[in-house]
């Protein structure tokens, strides 16, 4: 019968004693234990790497969420700034229109005063008993004679329509 020596050689006809077989099994068992401990260490390291990967994945998700929320906050702030700028421009334009409207009103009032003065200084028509009260045609002819137009200029019409529009939107009081 052939047996295998610890060196790996096949020996013919040698018999092994029980002690030698036990020693060989003990040596193989210790080698097996060594291999098993190495495998366990490798498994532990692989598990650690997996847990590190999971942590890194969670960390990267958190970072991505934070960046997204920061981006959202920045977008909201930018939209708010734009809205405020638009409102400021609207306010400035409204103030400008209000001042132009005041100018128009003052000019209209001046023209009205001039008309009243013109009609008051016109000779009284006592023959027909009307006094200072004249017909519209006469008043227009008197204004035309003075070089004052009775038609409202287009700029004033534009301002008055803008004023009405702002009043209808509730942006102008009065």
Protein backbone atom coordinates (compact mmCIF):
# COMPACT_ATOMS: atom_id res chain seq x y z
CA UNK A 1 0.00 0.00 0.00
CA UNK A 2 1.24 3.49 -0.84
CA UNK A 3 1.23 6.37 1.62
CA UNK A 4 1.99 10.06 1.30
CA UNK A 5 4.78 11.56 3.36
CA UNK A 6 4.50 15.08 4.85
CA UNK A 7 6.95 16.28 2.20
CA UNK A 8 4.49 15.19 -0.48
CA UNK A 9 6.47 12.19 -1.65
CA UNK A 10 4.79 8.90 -2.12
CA UNK A 11 6.43 6.16 -0.19
CA UNK A 12 5.85 2.53 -0.96
CA UNK A 13 5.48 0.11 1.79
CA UNK A 14 6.06 2.45 4.67
CA UNK A 15 3.61 2.28 7.43
CA UNK A 16 2.80 5.22 9.59
CA UNK A 17 2.36 4.96 13.21
CA UNK A 18 -0.69 6.32 15.01
CA UNK A 19 1.37 9.12 16.56
CA UNK A 20 2.66 10.21 13.19
CA UNK A 21 -0.84 10.30 11.73
CA UNK A 22 -2.07 12.34 14.70
CA UNK A 23 0.87 14.74 14.27
CA UNK A 24 0.12 15.13 10.57
CA UNK A 25 -3.58 15.73 11.25
CA UNK A 26 -2.62 18.21 13.97
CA UNK A 27 -0.30 20.04 11.54
CA UNK A 28 -3.02 20.08 8.86
CA UNK A 29 -5.58 21.26 11.39
CA UNK A 30 -3.33 24.13 12.53
CA UNK A 31 -2.76 25.09 8.88
CA UNK A 32 -6.51 24.97 8.35
CA UNK A 33 -7.06 27.11 11.45
CA UNK A 34 -4.50 29.60 10.11
CA UNK A 35 -6.27 29.73 6.76
CA UNK A 36 -9.64 30.13 8.47
CA UNK A 37 -8.35 33.01 10.59
CA UNK A 38 -6.96 34.69 7.46
CA UNK A 39 -10.34 34.22 5.73
CA UNK A 40 -12.11 35.68 8.78
CA UNK A 41 -9.78 38.71 8.73
CA UNK A 42 -10.45 39.18 5.02
CA UNK A 43 -14.21 38.93 5.66
CA UNK A 44 -13.96 41.48 8.49
CA UNK A 45 -12.03 43.84 6.24
CA UNK A 46 -14.57 43.39 3.45
CA UNK A 47 -17.40 44.12 5.87
CA UNK A 48 -15.56 47.23 7.07
CA UNK A 49 -15.12 48.34 3.47
CA UNK A 50 -18.81 47.73 2.82
CA UNK A 51 -19.79 49.73 5.89
CA UNK A 52 -17.41 52.51 4.82
CA UNK A 53 -18.96 52.51 1.35
CA UNK A 54 -22.42 52.70 2.87
CA UNK A 55 -21.34 55.58 5.12
CA UNK A 56 -19.79 57.36 2.15
CA UNK A 57 -22.96 56.83 0.13
CA UNK A 58 -25.07 58.23 2.97
CA UNK A 59 -22.67 61.13 3.41
CA UNK A 60 -22.71 61.90 -0.30
CA UNK A 61 -26.54 61.77 -0.26
CA UNK A 62 -26.63 64.19 2.65
CA UNK A 63 -24.19 66.49 0.89
CA UNK A 64 -26.28 66.34 -2.29
CA UNK A 65 -29.45 67.10 -0.31
CA UNK A 66 -27.74 70.00 1.46
CA UNK A 67 -26.50 71.39 -1.84
CA UNK A 68 -29.95 71.04 -3.35
CA UNK A 69 -31.56 72.81 -0.40
CA UNK A 70 -28.89 75.53 -0.53
CA UNK A 71 -29.52 75.92 -4.26
CA UNK A 72 -33.26 76.16 -3.56
CA UNK A 73 -32.65 78.81 -0.91
CA UNK A 74 -30.40 80.75 -3.30
CA UNK A 75 -33.00 80.50 -6.07
CA UNK A 76 -35.70 81.70 -3.67
CA UNK A 77 -33.51 84.62 -2.57
CA UNK A 78 -32.75 85.48 -6.20
CA UNK A 79 -36.45 85.39 -7.07
CA UNK A 80 -37.20 87.56 -4.04
CA UNK A 81 -34.49 90.05 -5.07
CA UNK A 82 -35.84 90.18 -8.61
CA UNK A 83 -39.37 90.71 -7.31
CA UNK A 84 -38.18 93.51 -5.01
CA UNK A 85 -36.29 95.12 -7.89
CA UNK A 86 -39.38 94.91 -10.09
CA UNK A 87 -41.49 96.42 -7.33
CA UNK A 88 -38.92 99.18 -6.84
CA UNK A 89 -38.99 99.93 -10.56
CA UNK A 90 -42.77 99.95 -10.50
CA UNK A 91 -42.73 102.29 -7.49
CA UNK A 92 -40.28 104.61 -9.22
CA UNK A 93 -42.39 104.63 -12.37
CA UNK A 94 -45.51 105.24 -10.28
CA UNK A 95 -43.83 108.15 -8.50
CA UNK A 96 -42.72 109.51 -11.85
CA UNK A 97 -46.25 109.19 -13.21
CA UNK A 98 -47.65 110.82 -10.08
CA UNK A 99 -45.29 113.77 -10.47
CA UNK A 100 -46.18 114.07 -14.16
CA UNK A 101 -49.85 113.88 -13.23
CA UNK A 102 -49.36 116.67 -10.68
CA UNK A 103 -47.66 118.75 -13.36
CA UNK A 104 -50.57 118.10 -15.71
CA UNK A 105 -53.09 118.96 -13.03
CA UNK A 106 -51.29 122.19 -12.20
CA UNK A 107 -51.16 123.12 -15.90
CA UNK A 108 -54.85 122.30 -16.29
CA UNK A 109 -55.65 124.42 -13.24
CA UNK A 110 -53.57 127.29 -14.64
CA UNK A 111 -55.40 127.03 -17.95
CA UNK A 112 -58.72 126.97 -16.10
CA UNK A 113 -57.70 130.13 -14.20
CA UNK A 114 -56.67 131.78 -17.44
CA UNK A 115 -60.02 130.86 -18.98
CA UNK A 116 -61.90 132.28 -16.01
CA UNK A 117 -59.83 135.47 -16.19
CA UNK A 118 -60.44 135.68 -19.94
CA UNK A 119 -64.17 135.25 -19.54
CA UNK A 120 -64.25 137.67 -16.60
CA UNK A 121 -62.34 140.33 -18.55
CA UNK A 122 -64.55 139.91 -21.61
CA UNK A 123 -67.14 142.68 -21.92
CA UNK A 124 -70.41 141.84 -20.30
CA UNK A 125 -73.23 141.18 -22.70
CA UNK A 126 -75.92 143.19 -20.94
CA UNK A 127 -78.04 143.64 -24.02
CA UNK A 128 -79.43 140.16 -23.87
CA UNK A 129 -79.21 139.98 -20.05
CA UNK A 130 -76.66 137.20 -19.89
CA UNK A 131 -73.90 139.12 -18.14
CA UNK A 132 -70.64 137.20 -17.88
CA UNK A 133 -72.29 133.94 -18.79
CA UNK A 134 -71.73 133.25 -22.45
CA UNK A 135 -72.33 130.43 -24.83
CA UNK A 136 -69.73 127.73 -25.33
CA UNK A 137 -69.00 128.96 -28.83
CA UNK A 138 -68.24 132.44 -27.63
CA UNK A 139 -65.94 131.11 -24.91
CA UNK A 140 -64.11 128.91 -27.40
CA UNK A 141 -63.75 131.79 -29.79
CA UNK A 142 -62.37 133.94 -26.96
CA UNK A 143 -59.88 131.21 -26.03
CA UNK A 144 -58.94 130.73 -29.67
CA UNK A 145 -58.42 134.47 -29.99
CA UNK A 146 -56.00 134.33 -27.03
CA UNK A 147 -54.13 131.37 -28.59
CA UNK A 148 -55.25 128.84 -25.99
CA UNK A 149 -56.28 125.44 -27.33
CA UNK A 150 -59.41 123.88 -25.94
CA UNK A 151 -58.28 120.36 -26.85
CA UNK A 152 -56.36 118.35 -24.24
CA UNK A 153 -52.83 117.53 -25.44
CA UNK A 154 -52.08 113.82 -26.05
CA UNK A 155 -49.49 113.71 -23.22
CA UNK A 156 -52.13 114.81 -20.74
CA UNK A 157 -54.58 112.24 -22.08
CA UNK A 158 -51.90 109.55 -21.70
CA UNK A 159 -51.16 110.61 -18.12
CA UNK A 160 -54.81 110.75 -17.20
CA UNK A 161 -55.44 107.26 -18.64
CA UNK A 162 -52.37 105.95 -16.76
CA UNK A 163 -53.71 107.55 -13.60
CA UNK A 164 -57.10 105.88 -14.13
CA UNK A 165 -55.36 102.57 -14.77
CA UNK A 166 -53.33 102.83 -11.55
CA UNK A 167 -56.48 103.78 -9.63
CA UNK A 168 -58.29 100.73 -11.00
CA UNK A 169 -55.38 98.50 -9.94
CA UNK A 170 -55.43 100.05 -6.48
CA UNK A 171 -51.89 101.40 -6.79
CA UNK A 172 -52.90 105.05 -6.66
CA UNK A 173 -55.07 106.49 -3.95
CA UNK A 174 -57.36 109.41 -4.44
